[in-house]
Protein backbone atom coordinates (compact mmCIF):
# COMPACT_ATOMS: atom_id res chain seq x y z
CA MET A 1 -0.59 -41.47 -24.70
CA THR A 2 2.95 -41.75 -26.05
CA VAL A 3 4.15 -38.46 -27.50
CA THR A 4 6.46 -38.74 -30.48
CA LEU A 5 8.74 -36.20 -32.12
CA GLY A 6 6.55 -36.19 -35.22
CA HIS A 7 3.46 -35.45 -33.16
CA LEU A 8 5.21 -32.48 -31.56
CA ALA A 9 6.34 -31.22 -34.97
CA ASP A 10 2.78 -31.38 -36.33
CA MET A 11 1.46 -29.57 -33.24
CA ILE A 12 3.88 -26.62 -33.38
CA GLY A 13 4.51 -26.45 -37.12
CA GLY A 14 8.15 -27.54 -36.86
CA THR A 15 10.27 -29.64 -39.21
CA VAL A 16 11.86 -32.96 -38.26
CA LEU A 17 15.32 -33.52 -39.75
CA PRO A 18 16.25 -37.24 -39.56
CA ALA A 19 19.55 -38.24 -38.01
CA GLU A 20 22.37 -38.43 -40.56
CA SER A 21 23.40 -41.78 -39.12
CA GLY A 22 19.94 -43.28 -39.56
CA GLY A 23 18.00 -44.60 -36.59
CA PRO A 24 14.43 -43.81 -35.48
CA ALA A 25 13.01 -40.84 -37.36
CA ASP A 26 10.07 -40.44 -34.99
CA PRO A 27 11.26 -41.43 -31.51
CA PRO A 28 8.96 -41.30 -28.49
CA ILE A 29 9.69 -38.31 -26.21
CA ALA A 30 9.37 -38.81 -22.45
CA ALA A 31 10.88 -35.58 -21.11
CA VAL A 32 12.02 -32.06 -22.07
CA GLU A 33 15.06 -30.34 -20.58
CA LEU A 34 17.05 -27.14 -21.09
CA ASN A 35 20.22 -28.57 -19.55
CA ALA A 36 21.97 -30.91 -21.96
CA ALA A 37 23.60 -33.02 -19.26
CA GLU A 38 20.31 -33.43 -17.39
CA THR A 39 18.31 -34.55 -20.41
CA PRO A 40 17.65 -38.29 -20.02
CA GLU A 41 17.70 -40.91 -22.74
CA GLY A 42 14.36 -40.69 -24.45
CA GLY A 43 14.22 -36.99 -23.70
CA LEU A 44 14.18 -33.88 -25.88
CA PHE A 45 17.06 -31.43 -25.38
CA ALA A 46 15.81 -27.87 -26.00
CA ALA A 47 18.83 -25.93 -27.30
CA LEU A 48 18.06 -22.24 -26.82
CA PRO A 49 20.10 -19.22 -27.89
CA GLY A 50 21.77 -17.76 -24.80
CA THR A 51 23.16 -14.34 -23.98
CA ARG A 52 26.69 -15.61 -24.56
CA VAL A 53 26.55 -19.14 -25.99
CA HIS A 54 23.90 -21.05 -27.90
CA GLY A 55 22.63 -24.14 -26.07
CA ALA A 56 23.37 -26.30 -29.11
CA THR A 57 27.05 -25.95 -28.22
CA TYR A 58 26.44 -28.39 -25.36
CA ALA A 59 24.55 -31.02 -27.33
CA HIS A 60 27.49 -33.43 -27.06
CA GLN A 61 26.82 -33.66 -23.30
CA SER A 62 23.30 -34.94 -23.84
CA PRO A 63 22.05 -38.53 -24.31
CA ALA A 64 18.75 -37.07 -25.57
CA ALA A 65 16.73 -38.92 -28.20
CA ALA A 66 16.28 -35.70 -30.18
CA ILE A 67 17.13 -32.00 -30.15
CA LEU A 68 14.75 -29.02 -30.40
CA THR A 69 16.51 -25.96 -31.79
CA ASP A 70 16.49 -23.07 -34.28
CA ALA A 71 18.48 -22.34 -37.44
CA ASP A 72 21.51 -21.03 -35.52
CA GLY A 73 21.47 -24.12 -33.34
CA LEU A 74 21.24 -26.38 -36.37
CA ALA A 75 24.31 -24.72 -37.88
CA ILE A 76 26.25 -25.36 -34.67
CA LEU A 77 25.11 -29.00 -34.58
CA ARG A 78 26.15 -29.48 -38.20
CA GLU A 79 29.55 -27.87 -37.66
CA SER A 80 30.26 -29.95 -34.54
CA GLY A 81 29.08 -33.22 -36.09
CA GLU A 82 26.18 -33.61 -33.65
CA LEU A 83 23.51 -34.62 -36.19
CA ASP A 84 23.51 -38.24 -35.05
CA ARG A 85 19.90 -37.96 -33.84
CA PRO A 86 16.81 -36.25 -35.23
CA VAL A 87 16.38 -32.49 -34.87
CA LEU A 88 13.08 -30.69 -34.46
CA LEU A 89 13.68 -27.36 -36.19
CA VAL A 90 11.60 -24.26 -35.33
CA ASP A 91 11.96 -20.52 -35.82
CA ASP A 92 11.83 -19.66 -32.11
CA VAL A 93 12.43 -22.33 -29.46
CA ARG A 94 11.07 -20.26 -26.58
CA ALA A 95 7.84 -19.59 -28.46
CA VAL A 96 7.01 -23.31 -28.52
CA LEU A 97 8.83 -24.63 -25.45
CA GLY A 98 5.89 -24.28 -23.05
CA THR A 99 3.46 -25.95 -25.44
CA VAL A 100 5.89 -28.80 -26.13
CA SER A 101 6.65 -29.32 -22.44
CA ALA A 102 2.95 -29.39 -21.54
CA GLU A 103 2.20 -31.93 -24.27
CA VAL A 104 5.04 -34.26 -23.27
CA HIS A 105 3.76 -34.32 -19.68
CA GLY A 106 0.15 -34.88 -20.70
CA ARG A 107 -1.03 -31.28 -20.20
CA PRO A 108 -1.10 -31.68 -16.40
CA SER A 109 -2.37 -28.16 -15.59
CA GLU A 110 -5.68 -29.08 -17.24
CA LYS A 111 -6.14 -31.62 -14.44
CA LEU A 112 -5.59 -28.95 -11.77
CA THR A 113 -7.32 -25.76 -10.68
CA VAL A 114 -4.60 -23.17 -11.30
CA ILE A 115 -4.67 -19.64 -9.85
CA GLY A 116 -2.10 -17.24 -11.29
CA VAL A 117 -1.13 -14.05 -9.42
CA THR A 118 0.83 -11.19 -10.96
CA GLY A 119 1.73 -7.63 -9.96
CA THR A 120 4.81 -5.67 -8.96
CA SER A 121 4.27 -6.11 -5.23
CA GLY A 122 2.31 -8.54 -3.09
CA LYS A 123 2.44 -11.69 -5.23
CA THR A 124 4.05 -13.84 -2.56
CA THR A 125 1.75 -12.64 0.22
CA THR A 126 -1.35 -13.15 -1.90
CA THR A 127 -0.34 -16.66 -2.89
CA TYR A 128 0.31 -17.52 0.77
CA LEU A 129 -3.13 -16.19 1.72
CA LEU A 130 -4.69 -18.33 -1.01
CA GLU A 131 -2.69 -21.41 -0.05
CA ALA A 132 -3.63 -21.06 3.63
CA ALA A 133 -7.32 -20.69 2.82
CA LEU A 134 -7.32 -23.63 0.39
CA LEU A 135 -5.49 -25.95 2.78
CA ALA A 136 -7.82 -25.00 5.63
CA SER A 137 -10.74 -25.77 3.31
CA GLY A 138 -9.48 -29.30 2.76
CA LYS A 139 -7.96 -28.80 -0.70
CA ARG A 140 -4.72 -30.53 -1.62
CA THR A 141 -2.65 -27.54 -2.61
CA GLY A 142 0.55 -26.69 -4.44
CA LEU A 143 2.35 -23.34 -4.25
CA ILE A 144 4.94 -21.98 -6.70
CA GLY A 145 6.71 -18.67 -6.11
CA THR A 146 9.57 -16.52 -4.90
CA THR A 147 10.10 -18.33 -1.60
CA GLY A 148 10.09 -21.75 -3.26
CA THR A 149 7.64 -24.49 -4.11
CA ARG A 150 5.48 -26.62 -1.83
CA ILE A 151 3.33 -29.65 -2.56
CA ASN A 152 0.83 -30.31 0.21
CA GLY A 153 3.14 -28.50 2.60
CA ARG A 154 6.28 -30.36 1.44
CA THR A 155 9.10 -28.12 0.22
CA VAL A 156 10.42 -28.76 -3.28
CA PRO A 157 13.70 -27.17 -4.48
CA SER A 158 13.12 -24.16 -6.75
CA HIS A 159 15.28 -21.35 -8.14
CA LEU A 160 12.98 -19.02 -10.07
CA THR A 161 9.83 -17.12 -9.13
CA THR A 162 8.24 -18.92 -12.08
CA PRO A 163 10.25 -21.98 -13.22
CA GLU A 164 11.25 -22.48 -16.85
CA ALA A 165 8.57 -24.25 -18.89
CA PRO A 166 10.05 -27.80 -18.77
CA ALA A 167 10.52 -27.63 -14.98
CA LEU A 168 7.10 -26.05 -14.48
CA GLN A 169 5.26 -28.71 -16.47
CA ARG A 170 7.23 -31.47 -14.75
CA LEU A 171 6.24 -29.90 -11.43
CA PHE A 172 2.57 -29.85 -12.41
CA ASP A 173 2.85 -33.52 -13.39
CA GLU A 174 4.35 -34.33 -9.99
CA MET A 175 1.56 -32.42 -8.28
CA VAL A 176 -1.10 -34.38 -10.18
CA SER A 177 0.60 -37.64 -9.13
CA ASP A 178 0.58 -36.43 -5.51
CA GLY A 179 -3.17 -35.79 -5.62
CA VAL A 180 -2.97 -31.99 -5.67
CA THR A 181 -6.23 -30.35 -6.70
CA HIS A 182 -5.40 -26.63 -6.55
CA VAL A 183 -2.21 -24.77 -7.47
CA VAL A 184 -1.43 -21.16 -6.56
CA MET A 185 1.46 -19.61 -8.45
CA GLU A 186 3.21 -16.31 -8.85
CA VAL A 187 3.52 -15.26 -12.49
CA SER A 188 6.34 -12.81 -13.11
CA SER A 189 6.61 -10.49 -16.11
CA HIS A 190 9.85 -12.28 -16.99
CA ALA A 191 7.98 -15.58 -17.10
CA LEU A 192 5.32 -14.11 -19.37
CA SER A 193 7.86 -12.45 -21.69
CA LEU A 194 10.04 -15.57 -21.90
CA GLY A 195 7.20 -18.03 -22.42
CA ARG A 196 7.70 -19.95 -19.18
CA VAL A 197 3.95 -20.24 -18.54
CA ASP A 198 2.97 -21.04 -22.13
CA GLY A 199 0.97 -24.25 -22.09
CA VAL A 200 -0.50 -23.55 -18.63
CA SER A 201 -4.28 -23.74 -18.29
CA PHE A 202 -5.28 -21.04 -15.78
CA ASP A 203 -8.66 -21.11 -14.05
CA VAL A 204 -8.34 -17.75 -12.26
CA THR A 205 -5.84 -14.95 -12.86
CA CYS A 206 -5.25 -12.06 -10.44
CA PHE A 207 -3.70 -8.62 -10.99
CA LEU A 208 -2.50 -6.68 -7.94
CA ASN A 209 -0.71 -3.47 -8.95
CA LEU A 210 2.08 -2.01 -11.05
CA SER A 211 4.92 0.34 -10.16
CA GLN A 212 8.46 0.98 -11.38
CA ASP A 213 10.72 -2.03 -11.44
CA HIS A 214 12.67 -4.15 -13.94
CA LEU A 215 13.21 -1.37 -16.45
CA ASP A 216 16.52 -3.09 -17.19
CA PHE A 217 14.41 -5.86 -18.74
CA HIS A 218 11.34 -3.95 -19.96
CA ASP A 219 11.35 -0.90 -22.22
CA GLY A 220 9.44 1.36 -19.85
CA LEU A 221 6.34 0.95 -17.67
CA GLU A 222 4.02 0.50 -20.66
CA ASP A 223 6.08 -2.45 -21.91
CA TYR A 224 6.15 -3.85 -18.37
CA PHE A 225 2.36 -3.56 -18.17
CA ASN A 226 1.87 -5.16 -21.58
CA ALA A 227 4.00 -8.13 -20.51
CA LYS A 228 1.65 -8.74 -17.58
CA ALA A 229 -1.40 -8.15 -19.78
CA ALA A 230 -0.53 -11.36 -21.66
CA LEU A 231 -2.13 -13.15 -18.71
CA PHE A 232 -5.44 -11.29 -19.21
CA ARG A 233 -5.97 -10.46 -22.88
CA PRO A 234 -8.91 -12.50 -24.24
CA ASP A 235 -6.90 -13.35 -27.39
CA SER A 236 -4.08 -14.81 -25.29
CA PRO A 237 -3.95 -18.60 -24.83
CA LEU A 238 -3.19 -17.89 -21.16
CA HIS A 239 -6.42 -16.03 -20.42
CA ALA A 240 -8.70 -17.49 -17.76
CA ALA A 241 -12.48 -17.58 -17.59
CA ARG A 242 -12.33 -15.81 -14.22
CA VAL A 243 -10.28 -12.69 -13.53
CA VAL A 244 -9.71 -10.62 -10.39
CA SER A 245 -8.14 -7.17 -10.71
CA CYS A 246 -7.40 -4.73 -7.89
CA VAL A 247 -8.53 -1.31 -9.12
CA ASP A 248 -6.73 0.71 -6.46
CA ASP A 249 -4.50 2.13 -9.21
CA SER A 250 -5.03 3.06 -12.86
CA TRP A 251 -3.10 0.02 -14.04
CA GLY A 252 -5.59 -2.27 -12.32
CA ARG A 253 -8.50 -0.44 -13.88
CA ARG A 254 -6.92 -0.82 -17.32
CA MET A 255 -6.28 -4.51 -16.74
CA ALA A 256 -9.90 -5.10 -15.77
CA GLU A 257 -10.99 -3.42 -19.01
CA ILE A 258 -8.53 -5.48 -21.07
CA ALA A 259 -9.83 -8.72 -19.57
CA GLU A 260 -13.48 -8.01 -20.44
CA ALA A 261 -14.79 -10.44 -23.06
CA PRO A 262 -17.75 -12.76 -23.65
CA GLY A 263 -17.48 -15.77 -21.35
CA VAL A 264 -15.01 -14.05 -18.99
CA VAL A 265 -16.13 -13.06 -15.50
CA VAL A 266 -14.12 -10.08 -14.23
CA ASP A 267 -14.28 -9.24 -10.53
CA THR A 268 -12.74 -5.98 -9.36
CA VAL A 269 -11.44 -5.20 -5.87
CA GLY A 270 -11.33 -1.74 -4.30
CA THR A 271 -10.01 -0.62 -0.92
CA PRO A 272 -9.94 2.71 0.93
CA HIS A 273 -6.26 2.88 -0.04
CA ALA A 274 -7.18 3.39 -3.72
CA GLU A 275 -5.91 6.39 -5.69
CA ASP A 276 -9.49 7.51 -6.33
CA ALA A 277 -10.98 6.62 -2.94
CA LYS A 278 -13.68 9.01 -1.74
CA ILE A 279 -12.42 11.20 1.12
CA ALA A 280 -14.90 12.55 3.67
CA ASP A 281 -14.56 15.82 5.59
CA ASP A 282 -13.18 13.91 8.58
CA GLY A 283 -10.43 12.41 6.42
CA SER A 284 -11.93 8.93 6.30
CA ARG A 285 -11.66 7.11 3.00
CA THR A 286 -14.16 4.91 1.17
CA ALA A 287 -13.27 2.31 -1.43
CA PRO A 288 -14.19 3.12 -5.04
CA ALA A 289 -16.89 1.22 -6.91
CA ALA A 290 -15.84 -2.39 -7.40
CA THR A 291 -17.27 -5.90 -7.35
CA TRP A 292 -15.63 -6.44 -3.95
CA ARG A 293 -15.17 -3.46 -1.64
CA ALA A 294 -13.14 -3.36 1.56
CA GLY A 295 -14.34 -1.33 4.53
CA GLY A 296 -14.60 -1.23 8.31
CA ILE A 297 -10.84 -1.62 8.63
CA SER A 298 -9.27 -1.65 12.09
CA VAL A 299 -5.70 -2.27 13.17
CA ALA A 300 -4.67 -3.80 16.51
CA ASP A 301 -1.52 -2.75 18.37
CA ASN A 302 0.25 -5.91 17.17
CA GLY A 303 -0.46 -5.08 13.52
CA VAL A 304 -3.30 -7.58 13.04
CA GLN A 305 -5.99 -6.05 10.83
CA HIS A 306 -9.73 -6.64 10.51
CA VAL A 307 -11.65 -5.83 7.36
CA THR A 308 -15.15 -6.42 6.05
CA LEU A 309 -15.43 -7.33 2.36
CA THR A 310 -18.71 -6.83 0.56
CA GLY A 311 -19.49 -8.25 -2.85
CA HIS A 312 -22.03 -10.25 -4.82
CA GLY A 313 -24.61 -9.59 -2.13
CA LYS A 314 -22.43 -11.10 0.59
CA SER A 315 -20.27 -9.75 3.40
CA VAL A 316 -17.37 -11.47 5.12
CA ALA A 317 -15.25 -10.34 8.06
CA LEU A 318 -11.58 -11.24 7.65
CA GLU A 319 -8.75 -11.16 10.15
CA VAL A 320 -5.49 -10.42 8.35
CA PRO A 321 -2.46 -11.10 10.60
CA LEU A 322 -0.23 -8.84 8.47
CA PRO A 323 0.16 -5.07 8.92
CA GLY A 324 -0.15 -2.58 6.09
CA ALA A 325 -2.88 -1.17 3.87
CA PHE A 326 -1.37 -3.07 0.95
CA ASN A 327 -2.08 -6.33 2.77
CA ILE A 328 -5.76 -5.40 2.93
CA ALA A 329 -5.62 -5.22 -0.88
CA ASN A 330 -3.74 -8.54 -1.07
CA ALA A 331 -6.26 -10.26 1.21
CA SER A 332 -9.18 -8.77 -0.71
CA VAL A 333 -7.85 -10.07 -4.04
CA ALA A 334 -7.23 -13.49 -2.49
CA TRP A 335 -10.79 -13.60 -1.15
CA ALA A 336 -12.28 -12.57 -4.50
CA ALA A 337 -10.37 -15.42 -6.18
CA LEU A 338 -11.54 -17.89 -3.53
CA ALA A 339 -15.13 -16.73 -3.96
CA ALA A 340 -14.82 -17.15 -7.74
CA LEU A 341 -13.91 -20.79 -7.09
CA GLY A 342 -16.61 -21.30 -4.47
CA VAL A 343 -14.05 -21.81 -1.69
CA ASP A 344 -15.28 -18.99 0.53
CA GLY A 345 -16.55 -20.67 3.67
CA PRO A 346 -15.59 -20.26 7.35
CA ASP A 347 -12.62 -22.62 6.96
CA ALA A 348 -11.11 -20.28 4.36
CA VAL A 349 -11.62 -17.34 6.76
CA ALA A 350 -9.78 -19.27 9.48
CA GLY A 351 -6.97 -20.16 7.08
CA ILE A 352 -6.34 -16.51 6.23
CA ALA A 353 -6.34 -15.58 9.92
CA GLY A 354 -3.52 -18.06 10.55
CA VAL A 355 -1.27 -17.23 7.61
CA ALA A 356 2.44 -16.44 8.04
CA VAL A 357 4.55 -15.15 5.17
CA PRO A 358 8.36 -15.41 5.46
CA GLY A 359 10.14 -12.09 5.12
CA ARG A 360 7.00 -10.07 4.48
CA MET A 361 6.46 -7.58 7.31
CA GLU A 362 7.90 -10.30 9.54
CA ARG A 363 8.18 -9.16 13.16
CA ILE A 364 11.32 -10.12 15.08
CA ASP A 365 10.60 -10.14 18.81
CA GLU A 366 13.19 -10.57 21.55
CA GLY A 367 11.18 -8.77 24.21
CA GLN A 368 12.34 -5.29 23.15
CA ASP A 369 10.18 -2.20 23.70
CA PHE A 370 10.17 -1.24 20.01
CA LEU A 371 9.08 -2.87 16.76
CA ALA A 372 11.59 -4.66 14.54
CA VAL A 373 10.43 -5.80 11.11
CA VAL A 374 12.08 -7.53 8.14
CA ASP A 375 10.46 -7.02 4.76
CA TYR A 376 11.20 -7.95 1.14
CA ALA A 377 10.44 -4.44 -0.19
CA HIS A 378 13.01 -3.79 -2.91
CA LYS A 379 11.14 -1.35 -5.17
CA PRO A 380 10.52 2.35 -4.54
CA ALA A 381 6.73 2.03 -4.20
CA ALA A 382 7.03 -0.98 -1.91
CA VAL A 383 9.56 0.78 0.34
CA GLY A 384 7.22 3.76 0.60
CA GLU A 385 4.21 1.58 1.41
CA VAL A 386 6.02 -0.31 4.17
CA LEU A 387 7.35 2.83 5.80
CA ARG A 388 4.03 4.66 5.62
CA THR A 389 2.35 1.67 7.23
CA LEU A 390 4.85 1.69 10.10
CA ARG A 391 4.62 5.46 10.44
CA ALA A 392 0.83 5.23 10.89
CA GLN A 393 1.24 2.63 13.61
CA THR A 394 4.31 4.01 15.42
CA VAL A 395 4.35 6.59 18.21
CA GLY A 396 8.14 7.03 18.05
CA ARG A 397 10.67 7.24 15.25
CA VAL A 398 10.86 5.08 12.12
CA ILE A 399 14.36 3.81 11.34
CA ALA A 400 14.91 2.29 7.88
CA VAL A 401 17.73 0.09 6.61
CA ILE A 402 17.66 -0.08 2.81
CA GLY A 403 19.84 -0.93 -0.16
CA ALA A 404 19.52 -1.81 -3.84
CA GLY A 405 20.56 -4.84 -5.84
CA GLY A 406 23.31 -4.81 -8.43
CA ASP A 407 22.89 -5.83 -12.08
CA ARG A 408 19.27 -4.66 -11.99
CA ASP A 409 17.33 -1.51 -12.86
CA SER A 410 19.72 1.25 -11.75
CA SER A 411 17.20 4.05 -12.23
CA LYS A 412 15.25 2.99 -9.14
CA ARG A 413 18.20 3.39 -6.74
CA PRO A 414 17.86 7.13 -5.97
CA LEU A 415 14.08 6.67 -5.97
CA MET A 416 14.38 4.08 -3.21
CA GLY A 417 16.50 6.41 -1.11
CA ALA A 418 14.03 9.23 -1.70
CA GLU A 419 11.02 7.09 -0.72
CA ALA A 420 12.74 6.14 2.53
CA ALA A 421 13.74 9.71 3.38
CA ARG A 422 10.23 11.07 2.78
CA VAL A 423 8.88 8.94 5.64
CA ALA A 424 11.61 7.63 7.95
CA ASP A 425 13.38 9.60 10.69
CA VAL A 426 16.66 7.74 10.15
CA VAL A 427 17.77 6.15 6.87
CA ILE A 428 20.73 3.79 6.85
CA VAL A 429 21.85 2.86 3.33
CA THR A 430 23.69 -0.44 3.06
CA ASP A 431 24.57 -3.23 0.63
CA ASP A 432 21.83 -5.52 -0.65
CA ASN A 433 22.98 -8.04 -3.28
CA PRO A 434 25.65 -6.08 -5.16
CA ARG A 435 26.26 -9.05 -7.47
CA THR A 436 28.96 -8.01 -9.97
CA GLU A 437 28.70 -4.24 -9.41
CA ASP A 438 30.76 -1.99 -7.15
CA PRO A 439 28.61 -1.81 -3.99
CA ARG A 440 29.98 1.63 -3.13
CA LEU A 441 28.51 3.11 -6.32
CA ILE A 442 25.13 1.50 -5.66
CA ARG A 443 25.05 2.92 -2.13
CA GLU A 444 26.04 6.36 -3.36
CA ALA A 445 23.09 6.42 -5.77
CA VAL A 446 20.64 5.39 -3.04
CA THR A 447 22.20 7.83 -0.57
CA GLN A 448 22.00 10.71 -3.04
CA GLY A 449 18.28 10.14 -3.48
CA ALA A 450 17.80 9.98 0.29
CA VAL A 451 19.81 13.13 1.02
CA GLU A 452 18.00 15.19 -1.64
CA ALA A 453 14.57 14.06 -0.44
CA ALA A 454 15.55 14.68 3.18
CA ALA A 455 16.56 18.27 2.35
CA LYS A 456 13.26 18.93 0.53
CA ARG A 457 11.29 17.45 3.41
CA ALA A 458 13.18 19.57 5.95
CA ALA A 459 12.65 22.75 3.95
CA ALA A 460 8.94 22.04 3.56
CA VAL A 461 8.28 21.63 7.29
CA GLY A 462 11.02 23.85 8.70
CA ILE A 463 13.14 21.22 10.47
CA ASP A 464 16.69 19.93 10.21
CA PRO A 465 17.22 17.21 7.58
CA ILE A 466 16.75 13.69 8.84
CA ARG A 467 19.73 11.49 9.59
CA VAL A 468 21.08 9.58 6.55
CA GLU A 469 24.00 7.17 6.95
CA ASN A 470 25.97 5.09 4.46
CA ILE A 471 27.23 1.82 6.01
CA GLY A 472 28.42 -0.81 3.55
CA ASP A 473 28.49 -3.83 5.85
CA ARG A 474 24.87 -4.98 6.11
CA ALA A 475 25.31 -6.67 9.51
CA GLU A 476 26.85 -3.49 10.91
CA ALA A 477 24.05 -1.37 9.43
CA ILE A 478 21.44 -3.57 11.11
CA ASP A 479 23.35 -3.41 14.39
CA VAL A 480 23.48 0.40 14.23
CA ALA A 481 19.75 0.63 13.47
CA ILE A 482 18.84 -1.61 16.41
CA GLY A 483 21.20 0.35 18.65
CA LEU A 484 19.51 3.64 17.73
CA ALA A 485 15.98 2.42 18.49
CA GLY A 486 14.18 3.58 21.60
CA ALA A 487 10.87 2.71 23.23
CA GLY A 488 7.98 3.06 20.79
CA ASP A 489 10.22 3.24 17.71
CA ALA A 490 10.02 0.99 14.66
CA VAL A 491 12.99 -0.47 12.77
CA VAL A 492 12.45 -1.94 9.31
CA VAL A 493 15.17 -3.80 7.45
CA ALA A 494 14.02 -3.83 3.84
CA GLY A 495 15.13 -5.51 0.65
CA LYS A 496 15.99 -9.15 1.25
CA GLY A 497 13.13 -10.50 3.33
CA HIS A 498 13.15 -14.30 3.22
CA GLU A 499 16.51 -14.58 1.44
CA THR A 500 19.32 -16.38 3.23
CA GLY A 501 22.14 -15.40 0.89
CA GLN A 502 23.97 -12.25 -0.15
CA GLU A 503 25.51 -12.32 -3.63
CA ILE A 504 28.85 -10.55 -3.94
CA ASN A 505 31.00 -10.91 -7.07
CA GLY A 506 29.15 -14.04 -8.11
CA VAL A 507 29.57 -15.75 -4.72
CA GLN A 508 26.67 -16.51 -2.37
CA HIS A 509 27.45 -15.75 1.26
CA HIS A 510 25.10 -16.89 4.00
CA PHE A 511 23.16 -13.87 5.22
CA ASP A 512 19.68 -13.74 6.71
CA ASP A 513 18.27 -10.36 7.78
CA ARG A 514 16.04 -12.10 10.32
CA GLU A 515 19.01 -13.80 11.97
CA GLN A 516 20.98 -10.56 11.99
CA VAL A 517 18.14 -8.55 13.53
CA ARG A 518 17.61 -11.20 16.19
CA ALA A 519 21.33 -11.28 16.97
CA ALA A 520 21.48 -7.48 17.20
CA LEU A 521 18.51 -7.45 19.56
CA ARG A 522 20.20 -10.01 21.80
CA ARG A 523 23.45 -8.07 21.81
CA ARG A 524 21.56 -4.95 22.76
CA ALA A 525 19.92 -6.85 25.64
CA GLY A 526 23.30 -8.18 26.72
CA ALA A 527 22.53 -11.79 25.73
CA ALA A 528 24.73 -14.03 23.65
CA PRO A 529 23.69 -13.85 20.00
CA GLY A 530 23.59 -17.64 19.63
CA THR A 531 22.80 -19.30 16.34
CA SER A 532 19.57 -20.09 14.61
CA GLY A 533 20.67 -23.47 13.35
CA ALA A 534 20.14 -22.42 9.74
CA SER A 535 22.39 -24.11 7.22
CA ALA A 536 24.78 -22.24 4.99
CA ALA A 537 22.72 -23.24 1.97
CA THR A 538 21.13 -20.19 0.42
CA THR A 539 17.83 -19.58 -1.21
CA SER A 540 17.83 -17.92 -4.58
CA THR A 541 18.09 -14.14 -4.70
CA GLU A 542 16.78 -14.33 -8.25
CA GLY A 543 13.31 -13.39 -7.15
CA GLU A 544 14.46 -9.78 -6.89
CA GLY A 545 15.03 -9.92 -10.62
CA GLU A 546 11.51 -10.98 -11.50
CA ASP A 547 8.03 -9.58 -11.24
């Protein structure tokens, strides 16, 4: 069906202002774009208010058939003489952009089975677990998230955890054309707050957890939670008929309660790692009451875990090739979502057993006698979880390399240092993505938190404070950490994970923690570092700004 400007106006309650020069008053609309120069003829240029400049300022660059904007944008168009084509006037462009984009592309998500995953930590891992299980089960699958986008295993360029609405709907349309049946996507709180997923028809939505992050964007944890709740509230157009919520923390329990409504099936997931797990006299823990409960957990020397999930009168034994109690929770949520869709056979089990997630507890092995891991943990709770996991599985020392990003929530910096110092034996503070901030000041904040926590830990157990170092150059910091490691130790380089770029003063420099760890291991062994063959092109570091 051809979508016209008038049809869009009727649908969203907007007003069409005809072009002053005449011409078609109700042109057909074939595309929607936020970038004026990229809007094709026959397209609709969505001119949004920006932090510095209103998008309508760039209307002269666009060959668009029409312009979608607000009152401020209309004033700019009038002043610059850019009313030579019709304008669709609305109060809030972002509030309607998702709906408009979906309509122009024929509401493609309604032709797909869409699984949305949100939470502070674990979104990427959970979507990879789901993708692996779906592909192994013979489903044609799309994935959208922090590490990029894939369609049936083919990589598609992407720059946001959740793309802007026009790009997202165009991507769904492409997936439909490619025969995709199931889509797994990360849904960040930014995407929910900014309307990027408006117009998406979700079949299953999953909530993982919530902890401090992005308080530069959200007005406290409650506001952060409420942003994510937009995916689950029954009165939200985004709500799905099937919901999975991990109830290991109080936020998950609240989200499960919020999602309850006639016609909505809510499955809860509980693991022995839960805040309210039952603790026996021998210290063993039992998952709280939930639809799906995890138990019988064992961990092999190489970090591979085995868990038995019980729910809906069934039991399934899963092999999870990722270390960490949090990955038991991620795998449990993924399985509950698969079961809700009826994709819970032996092929799905095999798919999960073979999953690999870039930059998430990724082991770097050059034959050394200690563990070296790269992980994306860049929030206080995530840093603590990773280090506690390694501590439980390490006979020697735990050596942590951490930093904090610039132009983001500054209040978490000392908390990250403190989390590291509460668990690790050596903490090396270094630069992450300083962006436009002074990296020295960022490191000082992280270091202060680490030093204070180290002193409290030492006083509590009657030992000398742990070693805390401040090394700005990230490559040098990694080299020092690898050089300090001995047999049976564990080194974790946290913060950047899969990223291949380091942003300094607005410039992206090629930097991959995995390459640097591998090179340091080879230098330690006396081998030439060599090269990995990776290009200088960088992946987006924007994912650290979204949850």
